[in-house]
Amino acid sequence: MINPNRSLERKSVTGNGKDYFLSSFIFLLASCFSFVLDVARYAVEQTKNKLLNNQIKSVQDLMTDLG
């Protein structure tokens, strides 16, 4: 026999809405934190590359001036 209240029974067994909200909220925070770390890592990498390129250019300019 088909029970029309089956989905309601299943929800009450697995937990209430607050549990779903809390776990979803924690997952969202973890995802945002991961994104912030990725952005910071990218910014540091770009800055490091720019500084390295500036140093190489300075050395190349100095060698051109001397040679």
Protein backbone atom coordinates (compact mmCIF):
# COMPACT_ATOMS: atom_id res chain seq x y z
CA MET A 1 0.00 0.00 0.00
CA ILE A 2 1.26 3.52 -0.83
CA ASN A 3 1.52 5.91 2.08
CA PRO A 4 0.93 9.57 1.05
CA ASN A 5 2.79 10.81 4.15
CA ARG A 6 5.95 8.85 3.35
CA SER A 7 8.09 11.94 2.57
CA LEU A 8 7.05 13.56 5.85
CA GLU A 9 7.95 10.44 7.79
CA ARG A 10 11.33 10.20 6.10
CA LYS A 11 12.14 13.83 6.88
CA SER A 12 11.33 13.40 10.55
CA VAL A 13 13.63 10.37 10.69
CA THR A 14 16.61 12.08 9.04
CA GLY A 15 16.47 15.31 11.03
CA ASN A 16 14.83 18.68 11.22
CA GLY A 17 15.33 21.79 9.10
CA LYS A 18 17.74 23.39 11.56
CA ASP A 19 20.22 20.53 11.11
CA TYR A 20 20.09 20.94 7.34
CA PHE A 21 20.55 24.71 7.63
CA LEU A 22 23.53 24.35 9.97
CA SER A 23 25.31 21.79 7.82
CA SER A 24 24.59 23.82 4.67
CA PHE A 25 25.82 26.99 6.37
CA ILE A 26 29.05 25.30 7.49
CA PHE A 27 29.59 23.96 3.97
CA LEU A 28 28.99 27.46 2.55
CA LEU A 29 31.50 28.99 4.97
CA ALA A 30 34.10 26.36 4.09
CA SER A 31 33.56 27.01 0.39
CA CYS A 32 33.91 30.78 0.86
CA PHE A 33 37.06 30.32 2.93
CA SER A 34 38.52 28.10 0.24
CA PHE A 35 37.70 30.73 -2.39
CA VAL A 36 39.33 33.50 -0.32
CA LEU A 37 42.47 31.40 0.05
CA ASP A 38 42.56 30.77 -3.71
CA VAL A 39 42.25 34.51 -4.42
CA ALA A 40 44.99 35.34 -1.91
CA ARG A 41 47.25 32.63 -3.35
CA TYR A 42 46.69 34.02 -6.86
CA ALA A 43 47.46 37.59 -5.74
CA VAL A 44 50.67 36.54 -4.00
CA GLU A 45 51.76 34.53 -7.05
CA GLN A 46 51.11 37.47 -9.38
CA THR A 47 53.02 39.86 -7.12
CA LYS A 48 55.93 37.43 -6.84
CA ASN A 49 56.07 37.02 -10.62
CA LYS A 50 55.93 40.78 -11.17
CA LEU A 51 58.78 41.38 -8.70
CA LEU A 52 60.87 38.64 -10.28
CA ASN A 53 60.27 40.02 -13.77
CA ASN A 54 61.26 43.52 -12.59
CA GLN A 55 64.50 42.17 -11.13
CA ILE A 56 65.32 40.27 -14.33
CA LYS A 57 64.59 43.38 -16.40
CA SER A 58 66.84 45.47 -14.16
CA VAL A 59 69.70 42.99 -14.55
CA GLN A 60 69.19 42.88 -18.32
CA ASP A 61 69.22 46.70 -18.48
CA LEU A 62 72.39 46.82 -16.38
CA MET A 63 74.12 44.25 -18.60
CA THR A 64 73.08 46.20 -21.71
CA ASP A 65 74.44 49.42 -20.23
CA LEU A 66 77.74 47.75 -19.30
CA GLY A 67 78.21 45.73 -22.41
